[in-house]
């Protein structure tokens, strides 16, 4: 069973701790077992790649490395970091909402 996290794929987040502190980006992927997420443009590493069909030259490639989910905070629609809560809406569905503004997150 997947553990529920405060961020999902496609959310805009800010890094609140670690080497990339203060950087913002969009979540590209979430690894539920390792409790890590890959964020666009954050936690960049240099990886040595062999020549292949996708990259015939090979060489050193810059790419995003996973970052622990606890070091990420959701950024709301008004560009301010906010905590996330869960509540039941009028339709009886459990939805995420921004605690700072109270608005529902889709």
Protein backbone atom coordinates (compact mmCIF):
# COMPACT_ATOMS: atom_id res chain seq x y z
CA UNK A 1 0.00 0.00 0.00
CA UNK A 2 1.27 3.48 -0.85
CA UNK A 3 1.98 5.80 2.04
CA UNK A 4 0.29 9.20 1.73
CA UNK A 5 2.63 12.16 1.39
CA UNK A 6 2.02 15.88 1.44
CA UNK A 7 3.36 16.26 -2.13
CA UNK A 8 2.46 14.58 -5.39
CA UNK A 9 3.84 14.46 -8.91
CA UNK A 10 3.30 17.81 -10.64
CA UNK A 11 3.28 19.94 -7.45
CA UNK A 12 5.51 23.00 -7.19
CA UNK A 13 7.75 22.72 -4.12
CA UNK A 14 10.55 24.57 -2.34
CA UNK A 15 13.51 22.86 -0.66
CA UNK A 16 13.55 23.74 3.06
CA UNK A 17 16.72 21.86 4.11
CA UNK A 18 19.93 20.52 2.66
CA UNK A 19 22.40 21.61 0.01
CA UNK A 20 19.71 22.89 -2.38
CA UNK A 21 17.86 24.92 0.30
CA UNK A 22 15.69 27.71 -1.14
CA UNK A 23 15.42 26.26 -4.65
CA UNK A 24 12.00 25.79 -6.27
CA UNK A 25 10.88 23.30 -8.86
CA UNK A 26 8.18 20.95 -10.07
CA UNK A 27 8.01 17.37 -8.77
CA UNK A 28 8.82 14.99 -11.63
CA UNK A 29 8.57 11.68 -9.77
CA UNK A 30 7.85 10.33 -6.27
CA UNK A 31 9.38 7.09 -4.93
CA UNK A 32 6.98 5.94 -2.21
CA UNK A 33 9.17 3.10 -0.90
CA UNK A 34 12.31 5.21 -0.45
CA UNK A 35 10.31 8.33 0.55
CA UNK A 36 12.14 10.47 -2.02
CA UNK A 37 11.12 12.75 -4.87
CA UNK A 38 12.85 14.03 -8.00
CA UNK A 39 12.42 17.80 -8.41
CA UNK A 40 13.10 19.64 -11.68
CA UNK A 41 16.40 21.57 -11.52
CA UNK A 42 17.11 20.68 -7.87
CA UNK A 43 19.88 18.45 -6.41
CA UNK A 44 21.77 18.20 -9.71
CA UNK A 45 24.50 15.53 -10.02
CA UNK A 46 27.06 14.71 -12.71
CA UNK A 47 26.66 11.17 -14.01
CA UNK A 48 29.11 9.44 -16.33
CA UNK A 49 27.22 7.73 -19.16
CA UNK A 50 28.45 5.25 -21.72
CA UNK A 51 27.63 5.90 -25.36
CA UNK A 52 24.17 4.56 -26.24
CA UNK A 53 21.42 5.12 -28.81
CA UNK A 54 19.99 8.07 -26.89
CA UNK A 55 23.40 9.70 -26.29
CA UNK A 56 25.87 8.41 -28.95
CA UNK A 57 28.71 10.61 -27.66
CA UNK A 58 28.43 9.48 -24.03
CA UNK A 59 30.30 11.55 -21.42
CA UNK A 60 29.26 13.44 -18.31
CA UNK A 61 25.54 14.22 -18.03
CA UNK A 62 23.90 16.54 -15.48
CA UNK A 63 20.66 15.15 -14.02
CA UNK A 64 18.39 15.49 -10.99
CA UNK A 65 18.93 13.16 -8.06
CA UNK A 66 16.16 12.19 -5.62
CA UNK A 67 15.70 14.33 -2.50
CA UNK A 68 14.01 13.29 0.75
CA UNK A 69 10.34 14.28 0.84
CA UNK A 70 10.64 15.71 4.37
CA UNK A 71 12.99 18.38 2.95
CA UNK A 72 10.30 19.65 0.55
CA UNK A 73 7.42 22.05 1.18
CA UNK A 74 4.44 22.70 -1.08
CA UNK A 75 4.23 26.14 -2.72
CA UNK A 76 0.66 27.44 -3.03
CA UNK A 77 -0.98 29.38 -5.84
CA UNK A 78 0.12 32.75 -4.36
CA UNK A 79 3.81 31.65 -4.44
CA UNK A 80 4.14 31.18 -0.67
CA UNK A 81 5.19 27.93 1.02
CA UNK A 82 2.40 26.33 3.00
CA UNK A 83 1.73 23.19 4.97
CA UNK A 84 -0.78 20.68 3.63
CA UNK A 85 -3.79 19.21 5.40
CA UNK A 86 -6.53 16.77 4.43
CA UNK A 87 -10.26 17.25 4.82
CA UNK A 88 -13.50 15.86 3.44
CA UNK A 89 -15.13 18.21 0.92
CA UNK A 90 -18.83 18.64 0.08
CA UNK A 91 -18.78 15.63 -2.27
CA UNK A 92 -17.51 13.37 0.52
CA UNK A 93 -14.03 13.04 -1.01
CA UNK A 94 -10.78 13.42 0.93
CA UNK A 95 -8.87 16.36 -0.57
CA UNK A 96 -5.63 18.17 0.20
CA UNK A 97 -5.82 21.82 1.20
CA UNK A 98 -3.32 24.60 1.90
CA UNK A 99 -3.32 25.38 5.61
CA UNK A 100 -2.22 29.00 5.07
CA UNK A 101 -5.02 29.98 2.67
CA UNK A 102 -7.55 27.17 3.18
CA UNK A 103 -7.94 26.58 -0.57
CA UNK A 104 -8.25 23.05 -1.97
CA UNK A 105 -5.37 21.58 -3.99
CA UNK A 106 -6.28 19.67 -7.12
